[in-house]
Amino acid sequence: MQRRLMYIEKGTGYNHDGPAWIGYVDFSRTGRKAYFNGQAFSCSKRFGRCAETGDQYWLSGVKKRGMNRHVFGHGKILVPRDALADFLALKG
């Protein structure tokens, strides 16, 4: 599996201000399945759909300048403890 530090935001039921995380996402060999926080997602381009609930999530790379949320979005972005050191190193 391939592991990457990614930005994840729940889109279903929210308007650019859903719960958001920056953490490690594991991808299958083909890249069509992603795994984060105990959930499996089927991926297509930048979106992932939770296999269990059907909710849609936005998956993207982490931006160095900190502009991960949409321009109209707001709210806290949670960073799990295991990803914090790599996130801070990326931010400088």
N, C-alpha and C. Protein backbone atom coordinates (compact mmCIF):
# COMPACT_ATOMS: atom_id res chain seq x y z
N MET A 1 0.84 -1.19 0.00
CA MET A 1 0.00 0.00 0.00
C MET A 1 0.87 1.24 0.00
N GLN A 2 0.36 2.25 -0.63
CA GLN A 2 1.04 3.54 -0.69
C GLN A 2 0.43 4.47 0.36
N ARG A 3 1.25 5.14 1.14
CA ARG A 3 0.77 6.02 2.22
C ARG A 3 1.18 7.45 1.92
N ARG A 4 0.20 8.37 2.02
CA ARG A 4 0.48 9.79 1.74
C ARG A 4 -0.19 10.67 2.78
N LEU A 5 0.43 11.80 3.08
CA LEU A 5 -0.16 12.81 3.94
C LEU A 5 -1.15 13.60 3.08
N MET A 6 -2.43 13.62 3.48
CA MET A 6 -3.49 14.19 2.64
C MET A 6 -4.42 15.07 3.48
N TYR A 7 -5.15 15.93 2.77
CA TYR A 7 -6.23 16.73 3.35
C TYR A 7 -7.53 16.01 3.02
N ILE A 8 -8.38 15.78 4.03
CA ILE A 8 -9.64 15.07 3.88
C ILE A 8 -10.75 15.94 4.46
N GLU A 9 -11.81 16.16 3.70
CA GLU A 9 -12.95 16.96 4.18
C GLU A 9 -14.25 16.27 3.80
N LYS A 10 -15.15 16.15 4.76
CA LYS A 10 -16.45 15.55 4.49
C LYS A 10 -17.30 16.56 3.74
N GLY A 11 -17.86 16.13 2.62
CA GLY A 11 -18.65 17.03 1.79
C GLY A 11 -20.14 16.82 1.91
N THR A 12 -20.58 15.60 2.14
CA THR A 12 -22.01 15.31 2.21
C THR A 12 -22.64 16.01 3.39
N GLY A 13 -23.65 16.84 3.11
CA GLY A 13 -24.37 17.53 4.17
C GLY A 13 -23.73 18.82 4.63
N TYR A 14 -22.64 19.22 4.01
CA TYR A 14 -21.94 20.44 4.41
C TYR A 14 -21.66 21.29 3.18
N ASN A 15 -21.46 22.57 3.38
CA ASN A 15 -21.18 23.49 2.29
C ASN A 15 -19.79 24.09 2.50
N HIS A 16 -18.75 23.34 2.19
CA HIS A 16 -17.36 23.75 2.31
C HIS A 16 -16.92 23.98 3.75
N ASP A 17 -17.69 23.52 4.72
CA ASP A 17 -17.26 23.69 6.11
C ASP A 17 -17.48 22.42 6.92
N GLY A 18 -17.36 21.28 6.26
CA GLY A 18 -17.51 20.01 6.96
C GLY A 18 -16.30 19.68 7.81
N PRO A 19 -16.38 18.62 8.59
CA PRO A 19 -15.23 18.19 9.38
C PRO A 19 -14.05 17.91 8.46
N ALA A 20 -12.85 18.30 8.88
CA ALA A 20 -11.67 18.15 8.03
C ALA A 20 -10.48 17.66 8.85
N TRP A 21 -9.61 16.92 8.17
CA TRP A 21 -8.42 16.36 8.77
C TRP A 21 -7.25 16.50 7.83
N ILE A 22 -6.05 16.51 8.39
CA ILE A 22 -4.83 16.31 7.64
C ILE A 22 -4.17 15.11 8.29
N GLY A 23 -4.06 14.03 7.54
CA GLY A 23 -3.54 12.80 8.11
C GLY A 23 -3.07 11.86 7.02
N TYR A 24 -2.61 10.69 7.43
CA TYR A 24 -2.12 9.70 6.50
C TYR A 24 -3.28 8.92 5.88
N VAL A 25 -3.23 8.81 4.56
CA VAL A 25 -4.21 8.03 3.81
C VAL A 25 -3.44 6.91 3.12
N ASP A 26 -3.92 5.68 3.29
CA ASP A 26 -3.33 4.53 2.62
C ASP A 26 -4.12 4.24 1.35
N PHE A 27 -3.41 4.06 0.24
CA PHE A 27 -4.04 3.77 -1.04
C PHE A 27 -3.73 2.34 -1.46
N SER A 28 -4.68 1.73 -2.13
CA SER A 28 -4.45 0.40 -2.69
C SER A 28 -3.43 0.51 -3.82
N ARG A 29 -2.97 -0.61 -4.30
CA ARG A 29 -1.97 -0.64 -5.37
C ARG A 29 -2.47 0.08 -6.61
N THR A 30 -3.75 -0.06 -6.92
CA THR A 30 -4.32 0.59 -8.11
C THR A 30 -4.69 2.04 -7.87
N GLY A 31 -4.80 2.46 -6.60
CA GLY A 31 -5.17 3.83 -6.27
C GLY A 31 -6.67 4.06 -6.27
N ARG A 32 -7.46 3.04 -6.46
CA ARG A 32 -8.92 3.19 -6.51
C ARG A 32 -9.58 3.09 -5.14
N LYS A 33 -8.86 2.59 -4.17
CA LYS A 33 -9.36 2.49 -2.80
C LYS A 33 -8.44 3.28 -1.89
N ALA A 34 -9.03 4.02 -0.98
CA ALA A 34 -8.26 4.78 0.02
C ALA A 34 -8.78 4.40 1.40
N TYR A 35 -7.91 4.42 2.37
CA TYR A 35 -8.27 4.05 3.73
C TYR A 35 -7.79 5.14 4.67
N PHE A 36 -8.73 5.65 5.49
CA PHE A 36 -8.39 6.69 6.45
C PHE A 36 -9.31 6.57 7.65
N ASN A 37 -8.75 6.65 8.83
CA ASN A 37 -9.52 6.70 10.07
C ASN A 37 -10.49 5.53 10.20
N GLY A 38 -10.07 4.34 9.77
CA GLY A 38 -10.91 3.15 9.89
C GLY A 38 -12.00 3.04 8.84
N GLN A 39 -12.00 3.90 7.85
CA GLN A 39 -13.01 3.86 6.79
C GLN A 39 -12.34 3.59 5.45
N ALA A 40 -13.08 2.91 4.58
CA ALA A 40 -12.61 2.64 3.22
C ALA A 40 -13.37 3.54 2.26
N PHE A 41 -12.67 4.09 1.28
CA PHE A 41 -13.26 4.99 0.29
C PHE A 41 -12.97 4.47 -1.11
N SER A 42 -13.97 4.56 -1.98
CA SER A 42 -13.72 4.31 -3.39
C SER A 42 -13.44 5.67 -4.02
N CYS A 43 -12.33 5.78 -4.72
CA CYS A 43 -11.85 7.08 -5.19
C CYS A 43 -12.04 7.26 -6.68
N SER A 44 -12.36 8.49 -7.05
CA SER A 44 -12.38 8.90 -8.44
C SER A 44 -11.91 10.35 -8.48
N LYS A 45 -10.77 10.57 -9.11
CA LYS A 45 -10.13 11.88 -9.17
C LYS A 45 -9.92 12.45 -7.79
N ARG A 46 -10.62 13.51 -7.40
CA ARG A 46 -10.38 14.15 -6.09
C ARG A 46 -11.42 13.78 -5.05
N PHE A 47 -12.37 12.97 -5.41
CA PHE A 47 -13.44 12.64 -4.47
C PHE A 47 -13.35 11.19 -4.05
N GLY A 48 -13.77 10.94 -2.83
CA GLY A 48 -13.85 9.59 -2.33
C GLY A 48 -15.23 9.38 -1.72
N ARG A 49 -15.79 8.22 -1.96
CA ARG A 49 -17.10 7.89 -1.41
C ARG A 49 -16.90 6.78 -0.39
N CYS A 50 -17.38 7.02 0.83
CA CYS A 50 -17.23 6.04 1.91
C CYS A 50 -17.98 4.76 1.53
N ALA A 51 -17.29 3.63 1.62
CA ALA A 51 -17.91 2.36 1.25
C ALA A 51 -19.03 1.98 2.20
N GLU A 52 -18.95 2.40 3.45
CA GLU A 52 -19.94 2.02 4.46
C GLU A 52 -21.17 2.92 4.45
N THR A 53 -20.98 4.23 4.41
CA THR A 53 -22.09 5.17 4.54
C THR A 53 -22.52 5.80 3.23
N GLY A 54 -21.64 5.80 2.22
CA GLY A 54 -21.95 6.45 0.95
C GLY A 54 -21.69 7.95 0.95
N ASP A 55 -21.20 8.49 2.06
CA ASP A 55 -20.91 9.92 2.14
C ASP A 55 -19.72 10.27 1.23
N GLN A 56 -19.76 11.48 0.68
CA GLN A 56 -18.70 11.93 -0.21
C GLN A 56 -17.68 12.75 0.56
N TYR A 57 -16.41 12.54 0.25
CA TYR A 57 -15.30 13.25 0.89
C TYR A 57 -14.42 13.86 -0.18
N TRP A 58 -13.76 14.97 0.13
CA TRP A 58 -12.80 15.63 -0.73
C TRP A 58 -11.42 15.19 -0.25
N LEU A 59 -10.61 14.67 -1.15
CA LEU A 59 -9.25 14.23 -0.83
C LEU A 59 -8.28 15.02 -1.69
N SER A 60 -7.30 15.66 -1.06
CA SER A 60 -6.30 16.39 -1.85
C SER A 60 -4.99 16.42 -1.09
N GLY A 61 -3.95 16.82 -1.79
CA GLY A 61 -2.65 16.96 -1.16
C GLY A 61 -2.66 18.13 -0.18
N VAL A 62 -1.73 18.10 0.74
CA VAL A 62 -1.62 19.17 1.74
C VAL A 62 -0.90 20.35 1.11
N LYS A 63 -1.46 21.53 1.26
CA LYS A 63 -0.88 22.76 0.71
C LYS A 63 0.10 23.37 1.70
N LYS A 64 1.26 23.76 1.26
CA LYS A 64 2.28 24.35 2.13
C LYS A 64 1.82 25.67 2.72
N ARG A 65 1.06 26.46 1.96
CA ARG A 65 0.63 27.78 2.43
C ARG A 65 -0.56 27.70 3.39
N GLY A 66 -1.12 26.51 3.60
CA GLY A 66 -2.21 26.36 4.56
C GLY A 66 -3.59 26.63 4.00
N MET A 67 -3.72 26.78 2.70
CA MET A 67 -5.02 27.07 2.09
C MET A 67 -5.70 25.78 1.64
N ASN A 68 -5.89 24.85 2.56
CA ASN A 68 -6.48 23.57 2.21
C ASN A 68 -8.00 23.66 2.03
N ARG A 69 -8.67 24.43 2.86
CA ARG A 69 -10.12 24.58 2.74
C ARG A 69 -10.48 25.43 1.54
N HIS A 70 -11.69 25.24 1.05
CA HIS A 70 -12.22 26.06 -0.03
C HIS A 70 -12.25 27.51 0.43
N VAL A 71 -12.20 28.44 -0.50
CA VAL A 71 -12.14 29.86 -0.16
C VAL A 71 -13.33 30.30 0.72
N PHE A 72 -14.48 29.65 0.56
CA PHE A 72 -15.65 30.00 1.37
C PHE A 72 -15.79 29.12 2.61
N GLY A 73 -14.93 28.14 2.76
CA GLY A 73 -15.01 27.23 3.89
C GLY A 73 -14.40 27.81 5.15
N HIS A 74 -14.78 27.23 6.27
CA HIS A 74 -14.21 27.65 7.54
C HIS A 74 -14.30 26.48 8.52
N GLY A 75 -13.62 26.62 9.61
CA GLY A 75 -13.64 25.59 10.64
C GLY A 75 -12.26 25.03 10.88
N LYS A 76 -12.15 24.28 11.95
CA LYS A 76 -10.87 23.69 12.35
C LYS A 76 -10.53 22.51 11.46
N ILE A 77 -9.24 22.30 11.28
CA ILE A 77 -8.73 21.14 10.58
C ILE A 77 -7.95 20.33 11.61
N LEU A 78 -8.36 19.11 11.85
CA LEU A 78 -7.73 18.27 12.86
C LEU A 78 -6.53 17.55 12.26
N VAL A 79 -5.45 17.48 13.03
CA VAL A 79 -4.24 16.77 12.61
C VAL A 79 -3.95 15.72 13.66
N PRO A 80 -4.06 14.43 13.31
CA PRO A 80 -3.75 13.38 14.28
C PRO A 80 -2.30 13.44 14.73
N ARG A 81 -2.06 12.96 15.91
CA ARG A 81 -0.73 13.02 16.52
C ARG A 81 0.33 12.35 15.66
N ASP A 82 -0.01 11.24 14.99
CA ASP A 82 1.00 10.52 14.20
C ASP A 82 1.41 11.28 12.94
N ALA A 83 0.61 12.25 12.49
CA ALA A 83 0.92 13.02 11.28
C ALA A 83 1.46 14.41 11.60
N LEU A 84 1.45 14.80 12.86
CA LEU A 84 1.79 16.17 13.23
C LEU A 84 3.22 16.55 12.86
N ALA A 85 4.18 15.69 13.13
CA ALA A 85 5.59 16.02 12.86
C ALA A 85 5.82 16.23 11.36
N ASP A 86 5.26 15.37 10.52
CA ASP A 86 5.43 15.54 9.08
C ASP A 86 4.69 16.77 8.56
N PHE A 87 3.53 17.07 9.13
CA PHE A 87 2.79 18.26 8.73
C PHE A 87 3.57 19.52 9.08
N LEU A 88 4.12 19.59 10.28
CA LEU A 88 4.90 20.76 10.68
C LEU A 88 6.18 20.89 9.86
N ALA A 89 6.80 19.78 9.50
CA ALA A 89 8.00 19.83 8.66
C ALA A 89 7.65 20.36 7.27
N LEU A 90 6.50 19.97 6.76
CA LEU A 90 6.05 20.46 5.45
C LEU A 90 5.78 21.96 5.48
N LYS A 91 5.19 22.44 6.57
CA LYS A 91 4.87 23.86 6.72
C LYS A 91 6.12 24.71 6.96
N GLY A 92 7.18 24.07 7.43
CA GLY A 92 8.43 24.82 7.69
C GLY A 92 8.37 25.41 9.04
